[in-house]
Amino acid sequence: MRLGIFAKTFEGNSPDQVLPAAATAGYAAVQYNMACSGLPSLPDNIPTEVVQDIAVAAAKSQITIAALSGTYNMIHPDASIRANGHERLANLARAAAGMKTNLITLCTGTRDPDDQWRDHPENRSVAAWKDLLASMEVAIGIADKHDIFLGIEPELSNVVHSARTARQLLDEIKSPHLKIVLDPANLFETASLEEQRRLVAEAVDLLADSIVMGHAKDRTPSGGFTAAGCGVLDYPHYLACLKSARFDGAMVTHGLSAKDAGRVASFLTAQMEQAGFKVETACLQQ
């Protein structure tokens, strides 16, 4: 299992700044955000030299670009905003090969017009699901054209709000280009240990054939987010479930500050090794 981190955790608007910082903190991979190259997260245009700079910096730092962040609101109530998101996704997909990656992470979205991570009562509606299917068909067409994978994540506040709705989407889309990013902290807000374990085990059982990346953050007892190892998430159980499913993708942490990156790398490495994984950490530490 390759240990990774959101590149955006580190300050800077150049890959020459953020990628060495990730390696120094102990990570072998990043989920890259184009904001780390001084662009919008999902740009209207990605210059060739920007792509080349990322590839060169990654090779120099011995960092793998495990994925690109390509989130936009796929069920935004304004269809023109959804269409603009599709166009920008196509730009990112076109550039992915040059950055030596084949995975883009998505946000299935919400009916909230202002915040793609905020829940809305219409998220469970038939119309919202219909719009998601339409958006996913466009996105899958882009993925097929550029031979990449798209990773969706069950997220309480989004239209795909559970492992079961993620399974439903996989079954309805039926595309080898659609994959799952699993973050157990997004499966519950507050839950007993027994319920938490049930939700995580169910998610891995339902989605095991499509999980390409794990995410690692944590929940506080009151339901807020915190850095991995600082909350109530049962990491031994989460990792044991992934091990049983023969998961071998990247484990990417986020929701932490740069100053905590080294500590979290040590925590996750120890947890993954205890679960029986062979862990690839940074090859280059300065």
C-alpha atoms as a PDB file:
ATOM      1  CA  MET A   1       0.000   0.000   0.000  1.00  0.00           C
ATOM      2  CA  ARG A   2       1.369   3.417  -0.970  1.00  0.00           C
ATOM      3  CA  LEU A   3       1.092   6.149   1.666  1.00  0.00           C
ATOM      4  CA  GLY A   4      -0.149   9.470   0.290  1.00  0.00           C
ATOM      5  CA  ILE A   5      -1.439  12.888   1.263  1.00  0.00           C
ATOM      6  CA  PHE A   6      -3.407  15.731  -0.300  1.00  0.00           C
ATOM      7  CA  ALA A   7      -0.763  17.934  -1.929  1.00  0.00           C
ATOM      8  CA  LYS A   8      -2.833  20.958  -0.910  1.00  0.00           C
ATOM      9  CA  THR A   9      -1.910  20.233   2.721  1.00  0.00           C
ATOM     10  CA  PHE A  10       1.365  22.046   2.083  1.00  0.00           C
ATOM     11  CA  GLU A  11       1.795  25.747   1.374  1.00  0.00           C
ATOM     12  CA  GLY A  12       2.892  26.870  -2.034  1.00  0.00           C
ATOM     13  CA  ASN A  13       1.632  27.351  -5.567  1.00  0.00           C
ATOM     14  CA  SER A  14       4.309  25.328  -7.312  1.00  0.00           C
ATOM     15  CA  PRO A  15       4.936  21.572  -7.452  1.00  0.00           C
ATOM     16  CA  ASP A  16       8.572  22.345  -6.675  1.00  0.00           C
ATOM     17  CA  GLN A  17       7.354  23.504  -3.258  1.00  0.00           C
ATOM     18  CA  VAL A  18       4.591  21.074  -2.313  1.00  0.00           C
ATOM     19  CA  LEU A  19       5.935  17.767  -3.640  1.00  0.00           C
ATOM     20  CA  PRO A  20       9.310  17.868  -1.839  1.00  0.00           C
ATOM     21  CA  ALA A  21       7.408  18.857   1.322  1.00  0.00           C
ATOM     22  CA  ALA A  22       5.236  15.763   0.989  1.00  0.00           C
ATOM     23  CA  ALA A  23       8.274  13.536   0.515  1.00  0.00           C
ATOM     24  CA  THR A  24      10.065  15.116   3.459  1.00  0.00           C
ATOM     25  CA  ALA A  25       7.032  14.393   5.653  1.00  0.00           C
ATOM     26  CA  GLY A  26       7.217  10.714   4.712  1.00  0.00           C
ATOM     27  CA  TYR A  27       4.741  10.286   1.853  1.00  0.00           C
ATOM     28  CA  ALA A  28       5.311   8.385  -1.379  1.00  0.00           C
ATOM     29  CA  ALA A  29       2.235   9.735  -3.185  1.00  0.00           C
ATOM     30  CA  VAL A  30      -0.087  12.708  -3.380  1.00  0.00           C
ATOM     31  CA  GLN A  31      -3.568  13.473  -4.531  1.00  0.00           C
ATOM     32  CA  TYR A  32      -2.686  16.544  -6.559  1.00  0.00           C
ATOM     33  CA  ASN A  33      -4.786  19.682  -6.743  1.00  0.00           C
ATOM     34  CA  MET A  34      -4.116  22.139  -9.557  1.00  0.00           C
ATOM     35  CA  ALA A  35      -4.239  24.906  -6.944  1.00  0.00           C
ATOM     36  CA  CYS A  36      -0.752  23.663  -6.052  1.00  0.00           C
ATOM     37  CA  SER A  37       0.295  24.943  -9.482  1.00  0.00           C
ATOM     38  CA  GLY A  38      -1.315  28.348  -8.964  1.00  0.00           C
ATOM     39  CA  LEU A  39      -4.431  27.490 -10.980  1.00  0.00           C
ATOM     40  CA  PRO A  40      -8.072  26.927  -9.997  1.00  0.00           C
ATOM     41  CA  SER A  41      -8.677  23.402  -8.705  1.00  0.00           C
ATOM     42  CA  LEU A  42     -10.522  22.614 -11.929  1.00  0.00           C
ATOM     43  CA  PRO A  43      -9.053  24.990 -14.512  1.00  0.00           C
ATOM     44  CA  ASP A  44     -10.537  26.189 -17.765  1.00  0.00           C
ATOM     45  CA  ASN A  45      -7.113  25.719 -19.328  1.00  0.00           C
ATOM     46  CA  ILE A  46      -4.016  23.767 -18.296  1.00  0.00           C
ATOM     47  CA  PRO A  47      -0.871  24.940 -20.103  1.00  0.00           C
ATOM     48  CA  THR A  48       1.505  22.233 -21.306  1.00  0.00           C
ATOM     49  CA  GLU A  49       4.361  23.702 -19.291  1.00  0.00           C
ATOM     50  CA  VAL A  50       2.321  23.351 -16.077  1.00  0.00           C
ATOM     51  CA  VAL A  51       1.810  19.657 -16.767  1.00  0.00           C
ATOM     52  CA  GLN A  52       5.507  19.224 -17.496  1.00  0.00           C
ATOM     53  CA  ASP A  53       6.491  21.042 -14.299  1.00  0.00           C
ATOM     54  CA  ILE A  54       4.338  18.669 -12.218  1.00  0.00           C
ATOM     55  CA  ALA A  55       5.787  15.583 -13.884  1.00  0.00           C
ATOM     56  CA  VAL A  56       9.372  16.793 -13.450  1.00  0.00           C
ATOM     57  CA  ALA A  57       8.856  17.792  -9.809  1.00  0.00           C
ATOM     58  CA  ALA A  58       7.181  14.450  -9.042  1.00  0.00           C
ATOM     59  CA  ALA A  59      10.063  12.498 -10.568  1.00  0.00           C
ATOM     60  CA  LYS A  60      12.644  14.619  -8.769  1.00  0.00           C
ATOM     61  CA  SER A  61      10.866  14.142  -5.427  1.00  0.00           C
ATOM     62  CA  GLN A  62      10.173  10.460  -6.147  1.00  0.00           C
ATOM     63  CA  ILE A  63       6.471  11.132  -5.562  1.00  0.00           C
ATOM     64  CA  THR A  64       3.662   9.323  -7.380  1.00  0.00           C
ATOM     65  CA  ILE A  65       0.626  11.353  -8.445  1.00  0.00           C
ATOM     66  CA  ALA A  66      -1.944   8.857  -7.174  1.00  0.00           C
ATOM     67  CA  ALA A  67      -4.879  10.986  -8.313  1.00  0.00           C
ATOM     68  CA  LEU A  68      -5.963  14.442  -9.397  1.00  0.00           C
ATOM     69  CA  SER A  69      -8.717  16.306  -7.577  1.00  0.00           C
ATOM     70  CA  GLY A  70     -11.444  17.054 -10.103  1.00  0.00           C
ATOM     71  CA  THR A  71     -14.421  17.839  -7.893  1.00  0.00           C
ATOM     72  CA  TYR A  72     -17.355  19.856  -9.142  1.00  0.00           C
ATOM     73  CA  ASN A  73     -21.051  19.732  -8.273  1.00  0.00           C
ATOM     74  CA  MET A  74     -22.433  17.048 -10.568  1.00  0.00           C
ATOM     75  CA  ILE A  75     -26.076  17.710  -9.596  1.00  0.00           C
ATOM     76  CA  HIS A  76     -25.942  21.489  -9.222  1.00  0.00           C
ATOM     77  CA  PRO A  77     -29.456  22.896  -9.724  1.00  0.00           C
ATOM     78  CA  ASP A  78     -28.147  25.067 -12.569  1.00  0.00           C
ATOM     79  CA  ALA A  79     -27.553  22.863 -15.618  1.00  0.00           C
ATOM     80  CA  SER A  80     -25.138  25.393 -17.138  1.00  0.00           C
ATOM     81  CA  ILE A  81     -22.886  25.098 -14.095  1.00  0.00           C
ATOM     82  CA  ARG A  82     -22.912  21.321 -14.445  1.00  0.00           C
ATOM     83  CA  ALA A  83     -21.993  21.667 -18.120  1.00  0.00           C
ATOM     84  CA  ASN A  84     -19.088  23.950 -17.256  1.00  0.00           C
ATOM     85  CA  GLY A  85     -17.883  21.363 -14.769  1.00  0.00           C
ATOM     86  CA  HIS A  86     -17.941  18.698 -17.483  1.00  0.00           C
ATOM     87  CA  GLU A  87     -15.849  20.897 -19.774  1.00  0.00           C
ATOM     88  CA  ARG A  88     -13.236  21.516 -17.079  1.00  0.00           C
ATOM     89  CA  LEU A  89     -13.163  17.816 -16.215  1.00  0.00           C
ATOM     90  CA  ALA A  90     -12.332  17.124 -19.852  1.00  0.00           C
ATOM     91  CA  ASN A  91      -9.421  19.574 -19.639  1.00  0.00           C
ATOM     92  CA  LEU A  92      -8.064  17.822 -16.558  1.00  0.00           C
ATOM     93  CA  ALA A  93      -8.526  14.371 -18.093  1.00  0.00           C
ATOM     94  CA  ARG A  94      -6.648  15.487 -21.183  1.00  0.00           C
ATOM     95  CA  ALA A  95      -3.685  16.496 -19.007  1.00  0.00           C
ATOM     96  CA  ALA A  96      -3.680  13.461 -16.697  1.00  0.00           C
ATOM     97  CA  ALA A  97      -1.345  11.258 -18.731  1.00  0.00           C
ATOM     98  CA  GLY A  98       1.270  13.996 -18.800  1.00  0.00           C
ATOM     99  CA  MET A  99       1.230  13.982 -15.002  1.00  0.00           C
ATOM    100  CA  LYS A 100       1.663  10.182 -14.967  1.00  0.00           C
ATOM    101  CA  THR A 101      -1.702   9.466 -13.361  1.00  0.00           C
ATOM    102  CA  ASN A 102      -4.908   7.782 -14.480  1.00  0.00           C
ATOM    103  CA  LEU A 103      -7.333   8.634 -11.648  1.00  0.00           C
ATOM    104  CA  ILE A 104      -9.453  11.745 -11.123  1.00  0.00           C
ATOM    105  CA  THR A 105     -11.586  12.086  -8.007  1.00  0.00           C
ATOM    106  CA  LEU A 106     -15.093  13.513  -8.279  1.00  0.00           C
ATOM    107  CA  CYS A 107     -17.853  14.910  -6.061  1.00  0.00           C
ATOM    108  CA  THR A 108     -21.265  13.421  -6.878  1.00  0.00           C
ATOM    109  CA  GLY A 109     -22.757  16.676  -5.663  1.00  0.00           C
ATOM    110  CA  THR A 110     -25.662  18.258  -3.872  1.00  0.00           C
ATOM    111  CA  ARG A 111     -28.657  20.412  -4.719  1.00  0.00           C
ATOM    112  CA  ASP A 112     -27.169  23.143  -2.522  1.00  0.00           C
ATOM    113  CA  PRO A 113     -26.226  25.868  -5.028  1.00  0.00           C
ATOM    114  CA  ASP A 114     -23.392  27.352  -2.986  1.00  0.00           C
ATOM    115  CA  ASP A 115     -21.501  24.499  -1.331  1.00  0.00           C
ATOM    116  CA  GLN A 116     -20.939  21.130  -3.024  1.00  0.00           C
ATOM    117  CA  TRP A 117     -20.255  19.522   0.375  1.00  0.00           C
ATOM    118  CA  ARG A 118     -23.459  20.709   2.093  1.00  0.00           C
ATOM    119  CA  ASP A 119     -26.520  18.488   2.348  1.00  0.00           C
ATOM    120  CA  HIS A 120     -29.854  19.470   0.836  1.00  0.00           C
ATOM    121  CA  PRO A 121     -33.324  17.902   1.245  1.00  0.00           C
ATOM    122  CA  GLU A 122     -33.630  17.340  -2.502  1.00  0.00           C
ATOM    123  CA  ASN A 123     -30.480  15.198  -2.652  1.00  0.00           C
ATOM    124  CA  ARG A 124     -32.598  12.069  -2.148  1.00  0.00           C
ATOM    125  CA  SER A 125     -35.076  12.974  -4.893  1.00  0.00           C
ATOM    126  CA  VAL A 126     -35.657  11.065  -8.117  1.00  0.00           C
ATOM    127  CA  ALA A 127     -34.768  14.196 -10.078  1.00  0.00           C
ATOM    128  CA  ALA A 128     -31.389  14.508  -8.333  1.00  0.00           C
ATOM    129  CA  TRP A 129     -30.551  10.898  -9.119  1.00  0.00           C
ATOM    130  CA  LYS A 130     -31.600  11.376 -12.736  1.00  0.00           C
ATOM    131  CA  ASP A 131     -29.297  14.390 -13.026  1.00  0.00           C
ATOM    132  CA  LEU A 132     -26.457  12.403 -11.462  1.00  0.00           C
ATOM    133  CA  LEU A 133     -26.865   9.626 -14.016  1.00  0.00           C
ATOM    134  CA  ALA A 134     -26.822  12.174 -16.838  1.00  0.00           C
ATOM    135  CA  SER A 135     -23.699  13.855 -15.454  1.00  0.00           C
ATOM    136  CA  MET A 136     -21.974  10.531 -14.925  1.00  0.00           C
ATOM    137  CA  GLU A 137     -22.668   9.494 -18.513  1.00  0.00           C
ATOM    138  CA  VAL A 138     -20.877  12.630 -19.707  1.00  0.00           C
ATOM    139  CA  ALA A 139     -18.000  12.068 -17.276  1.00  0.00           C
ATOM    140  CA  ILE A 140     -17.656   8.410 -18.270  1.00  0.00           C
ATOM    141  CA  GLY A 141     -17.499   9.453 -21.918  1.00  0.00           C
ATOM    142  CA  ILE A 142     -14.587  11.734 -21.017  1.00  0.00           C
ATOM    143  CA  ALA A 143     -12.884   8.964 -19.034  1.00  0.00           C
ATOM    144  CA  ASP A 144     -13.289   6.508 -21.893  1.00  0.00           C
ATOM    145  CA  LYS A 145     -11.826   8.953 -24.404  1.00  0.00           C
ATOM    146  CA  HIS A 146      -8.737   9.624 -22.272  1.00  0.00           C
ATOM    147  CA  ASP A 147      -8.430   6.124 -20.762  1.00  0.00           C
ATOM    148  CA  ILE A 148      -8.643   7.218 -17.139  1.00  0.00           C
ATOM    149  CA  PHE A 149     -10.621   6.212 -14.065  1.00  0.00           C
ATOM    150  CA  LEU A 150     -13.060   8.365 -12.114  1.00  0.00           C
ATOM    151  CA  GLY A 151     -13.254   7.900  -8.344  1.00  0.00           C
ATOM    152  CA  ILE A 152     -16.463   8.731  -6.490  1.00  0.00           C
ATOM    153  CA  GLU A 153     -16.738   8.804  -2.717  1.00  0.00           C
ATOM    154  CA  PRO A 154     -19.767   8.005  -0.555  1.00  0.00           C
ATOM    155  CA  GLU A 155     -20.301  11.246   1.373  1.00  0.00           C
ATOM    156  CA  LEU A 156     -23.152  11.920   3.805  1.00  0.00           C
ATOM    157  CA  SER A 157     -23.964  15.336   2.355  1.00  0.00           C
ATOM    158  CA  ASN A 158     -23.884  14.280  -1.307  1.00  0.00           C
ATOM    159  CA  VAL A 159     -26.360  12.474  -3.536  1.00  0.00           C
ATOM    160  CA  VAL A 160     -24.203   9.335  -3.213  1.00  0.00           C
ATOM    161  CA  HIS A 161     -24.518   9.393   0.556  1.00  0.00           C
ATOM    162  CA  SER A 162     -23.805   5.795   1.506  1.00  0.00           C
ATOM    163  CA  ALA A 163     -22.103   2.615   0.386  1.00  0.00           C
ATOM    164  CA  ARG A 164     -25.459   1.327  -0.858  1.00  0.00           C
ATOM    165  CA  THR A 165     -26.074   4.335  -3.100  1.00  0.00           C
ATOM    166  CA  ALA A 166     -22.496   4.034  -4.385  1.00  0.00           C
ATOM    167  CA  ARG A 167     -23.192   0.382  -5.222  1.00  0.00           C
ATOM    168  CA  GLN A 168     -26.403   1.413  -6.948  1.00  0.00           C
ATOM    169  CA  LEU A 169     -24.535   3.921  -9.092  1.00  0.00           C
ATOM    170  CA  LEU A 170     -21.878   1.376 -10.047  1.00  0.00           C
ATOM    171  CA  ASP A 171     -24.572  -1.108 -11.019  1.00  0.00           C
ATOM    172  CA  GLU A 172     -26.540   1.405 -13.079  1.00  0.00           C
ATOM    173  CA  ILE A 173     -23.569   2.977 -14.884  1.00  0.00           C
ATOM    174  CA  LYS A 174     -21.828  -0.342 -15.537  1.00  0.00           C
ATOM    175  CA  SER A 175     -18.517   1.183 -16.611  1.00  0.00           C
ATOM    176  CA  PRO A 176     -15.012  -0.100 -15.858  1.00  0.00           C
ATOM    177  CA  HIS A 177     -13.941   3.540 -15.687  1.00  0.00           C
ATOM    178  CA  LEU A 178     -16.022   4.248 -12.563  1.00  0.00           C
ATOM    179  CA  LYS A 179     -14.271   3.448  -9.282  1.00  0.00           C
ATOM    180  CA  ILE A 180     -14.611   4.087  -5.544  1.00  0.00           C
ATOM    181  CA  VAL A 181     -12.559   6.198  -3.144  1.00  0.00           C
ATOM    182  CA  LEU A 182     -13.425   5.008   0.350  1.00  0.00           C
ATOM    183  CA  ASP A 183     -13.207   7.308   3.364  1.00  0.00           C
ATOM    184  CA  PRO A 184     -14.788   5.661   6.433  1.00  0.00           C
ATOM    185  CA  ALA A 185     -15.048   9.005   8.234  1.00  0.00           C
ATOM    186  CA  ASN A 186     -17.558  10.048   5.567  1.00  0.00           C
ATOM    187  CA  LEU A 187     -19.860   7.110   6.307  1.00  0.00           C
ATOM    188  CA  PHE A 188     -20.999   8.423   9.700  1.00  0.00           C
ATOM    189  CA  GLU A 189     -21.064  11.610  11.724  1.00  0.00           C
ATOM    190  CA  THR A 190     -21.542  10.173  15.196  1.00  0.00           C
ATOM    191  CA  ALA A 191     -21.968   6.453  15.783  1.00  0.00           C
ATOM    192  CA  SER A 192     -21.329   3.831  18.404  1.00  0.00           C
ATOM    193  CA  LEU A 193     -18.230   1.723  17.863  1.00  0.00           C
ATOM    194  CA  GLU A 194     -20.439  -1.216  16.886  1.00  0.00           C
ATOM    195  CA  GLU A 195     -22.379   0.858  14.325  1.00  0.00           C
ATOM    196  CA  GLN A 196     -19.186   2.420  12.963  1.00  0.00           C
ATOM    197  CA  ARG A 197     -17.656  -1.012  12.424  1.00  0.00           C
ATOM    198  CA  ARG A 198     -20.846  -2.251  10.759  1.00  0.00           C
ATOM    199  CA  LEU A 199     -20.905   0.667   8.339  1.00  0.00           C
ATOM    200  CA  VAL A 200     -17.251   0.276   7.395  1.00  0.00           C
ATOM    201  CA  ALA A 201     -17.477  -3.503   6.947  1.00  0.00           C
ATOM    202  CA  GLU A 202     -20.630  -3.123   4.860  1.00  0.00           C
ATOM    203  CA  ALA A 203     -18.983  -0.496   2.661  1.00  0.00           C
ATOM    204  CA  VAL A 204     -15.958  -2.665   1.962  1.00  0.00           C
ATOM    205  CA  ASP A 205     -18.136  -5.726   1.308  1.00  0.00           C
ATOM    206  CA  LEU A 206     -20.379  -3.855  -1.119  1.00  0.00           C
ATOM    207  CA  LEU A 207     -17.666  -1.928  -2.940  1.00  0.00           C
ATOM    208  CA  ALA A 208     -14.541  -4.101  -2.699  1.00  0.00           C
ATOM    209  CA  ASP A 209     -14.409  -4.850  -6.421  1.00  0.00           C
ATOM    210  CA  SER A 210     -14.191  -1.130  -7.252  1.00  0.00           C
ATOM    211  CA  ILE A 211     -12.142   0.480  -4.442  1.00  0.00           C
ATOM    212  CA  VAL A 212      -9.019   2.058  -5.943  1.00  0.00           C
ATOM    213  CA  MET A 213      -8.046   4.449  -3.164  1.00  0.00           C
ATOM    214  CA  GLY A 214      -8.538   4.787   0.560  1.00  0.00           C
ATOM    215  CA  HIS A 215      -8.797   8.115   2.330  1.00  0.00           C
ATOM    216  CA  ALA A 216      -7.647   8.624   5.885  1.00  0.00           C
ATOM    217  CA  LYS A 217      -9.001  11.254   8.229  1.00  0.00           C
ATOM    218  CA  ASP A 218     -10.920  10.980  11.507  1.00  0.00           C
ATOM    219  CA  ARG A 219     -14.034  12.016  13.425  1.00  0.00           C
ATOM    220  CA  THR A 220     -14.223  13.687  16.813  1.00  0.00           C
ATOM    221  CA  PRO A 221     -16.729  12.298  19.360  1.00  0.00           C
ATOM    222  CA  SER A 222     -19.031  15.246  18.547  1.00  0.00           C
ATOM    223  CA  GLY A 223     -18.957  14.520  14.806  1.00  0.00           C
ATOM    224  CA  GLY A 224     -16.388  16.997  13.524  1.00  0.00           C
ATOM    225  CA  PHE A 225     -13.426  16.115  11.356  1.00  0.00           C
ATOM    226  CA  THR A 226      -9.877  15.799  12.629  1.00  0.00           C
ATOM    227  CA  ALA A 227      -6.553  14.331  11.560  1.00  0.00           C
ATOM    228  CA  ALA A 228      -6.129  10.567  11.317  1.00  0.00           C
ATOM    229  CA  GLY A 229      -5.397   9.047  14.707  1.00  0.00           C
ATOM    230  CA  CYS A 230      -6.868  11.957  16.657  1.00  0.00           C
ATOM    231  CA  GLY A 231     -10.486  10.793  16.790  1.00  0.00           C
ATOM    232  CA  VAL A 232     -12.813   7.846  17.194  1.00  0.00           C
ATOM    233  CA  LEU A 233     -12.287   5.998  13.914  1.00  0.00           C
ATOM    234  CA  ASP A 234     -11.287   2.378  14.448  1.00  0.00           C
ATOM    235  CA  TYR A 235      -8.295   2.219  12.110  1.00  0.00           C
ATOM    236  CA  PRO A 236      -7.382  -1.415  12.893  1.00  0.00           C
ATOM    237  CA  HIS A 237     -10.892  -2.454  11.835  1.00  0.00           C
ATOM    238  CA  TYR A 238     -10.913  -0.266   8.711  1.00  0.00           C
ATOM    239  CA  LEU A 239      -7.549  -1.580   7.567  1.00  0.00           C
ATOM    240  CA  ALA A 240      -8.419  -5.184   8.423  1.00  0.00           C
ATOM    241  CA  CYS A 241     -11.473  -4.886   6.180  1.00  0.00           C
ATOM    242  CA  LEU A 242      -9.342  -3.532   3.332  1.00  0.00           C
ATOM    243  CA  LYS A 243      -6.774  -6.267   3.869  1.00  0.00           C
ATOM    244  CA  SER A 244      -9.464  -8.945   3.673  1.00  0.00           C
ATOM    245  CA  ALA A 245     -10.637  -7.365   0.412  1.00  0.00           C
ATOM    246  CA  ARG A 246      -7.056  -7.556  -0.958  1.00  0.00           C
ATOM    247  CA  PHE A 247      -6.891  -3.799  -1.423  1.00  0.00           C
ATOM    248  CA  ASP A 248      -3.550  -2.624  -2.801  1.00  0.00           C
ATOM    249  CA  GLY A 249      -4.129   1.012  -3.763  1.00  0.00           C
ATOM    250  CA  ALA A 250      -2.915   4.239  -2.195  1.00  0.00           C
ATOM    251  CA  MET A 251      -3.988   5.369   1.267  1.00  0.00           C
ATOM    252  CA  VAL A 252      -4.235   9.156   1.104  1.00  0.00           C
ATOM    253  CA  THR A 253      -4.653  11.297   4.189  1.00  0.00           C
ATOM    254  CA  HIS A 254      -6.232  14.738   4.379  1.00  0.00           C
ATOM    255  CA  GLY A 255      -7.958  17.022   6.869  1.00  0.00           C
ATOM    256  CA  LEU A 256      -4.693  17.803   8.644  1.00  0.00           C
ATOM    257  CA  SER A 257      -2.194  20.635   8.825  1.00  0.00           C
ATOM    258  CA  ALA A 258       1.273  20.537   7.342  1.00  0.00           C
ATOM    259  CA  LYS A 259       2.808  20.533  10.818  1.00  0.00           C
ATOM    260  CA  ASP A 260       0.955  17.290  11.614  1.00  0.00           C
ATOM    261  CA  ALA A 261       1.879  15.546   8.360  1.00  0.00           C
ATOM    262  CA  GLY A 262       4.930  13.725   9.733  1.00  0.00           C
ATOM    263  CA  ARG A 263       3.113  12.472  12.810  1.00  0.00           C
ATOM    264  CA  VAL A 264       0.169  11.232  10.743  1.00  0.00           C
ATOM    265  CA  ALA A 265       2.543   9.476   8.330  1.00  0.00           C
ATOM    266  CA  SER A 266       4.091   7.606  11.253  1.00  0.00           C
ATOM    267  CA  PHE A 267       0.672   6.719  12.678  1.00  0.00           C
ATOM    268  CA  LEU A 268      -0.705   5.418   9.389  1.00  0.00           C
ATOM    269  CA  THR A 269       2.447   3.503   8.536  1.00  0.00           C
ATOM    270  CA  ALA A 270       2.345   1.722  11.894  1.00  0.00           C
ATOM    271  CA  GLN A 271      -1.362   0.961  11.551  1.00  0.00           C
ATOM    272  CA  MET A 272      -1.018  -0.381   8.020  1.00  0.00           C
ATOM    273  CA  GLU A 273       1.964  -2.545   8.902  1.00  0.00           C
ATOM    274  CA  GLN A 274       0.106  -3.962  11.891  1.00  0.00           C
ATOM    275  CA  ALA A 275      -2.749  -4.834   9.536  1.00  0.00           C
ATOM    276  CA  GLY A 276      -0.327  -6.828   7.402  1.00  0.00           C
ATOM    277  CA  PHE A 277       0.265  -4.376   4.564  1.00  0.00           C
ATOM    278  CA  LYS A 278       3.644  -3.751   3.032  1.00  0.00           C
ATOM    279  CA  VAL A 279       3.804   0.042   3.089  1.00  0.00           C
ATOM    280  CA  GLU A 280       5.575   2.221   0.550  1.00  0.00           C
ATOM    281  CA  THR A 281       6.533   5.514   2.186  1.00  0.00           C
ATOM    282  CA  ALA A 282       8.798   8.300   0.965  1.00  0.00           C
ATOM    283  CA  CYS A 283      11.840   7.265  -1.027  1.00  0.00           C
ATOM    284  CA  LEU A 284      13.298  10.742  -0.662  1.00  0.00           C
ATOM    285  CA  GLN A 285      13.533  12.487   2.681  1.00  0.00           C
ATOM    286  CA  GLN A 286      15.437  15.718   2.993  1.00  0.00           C
END
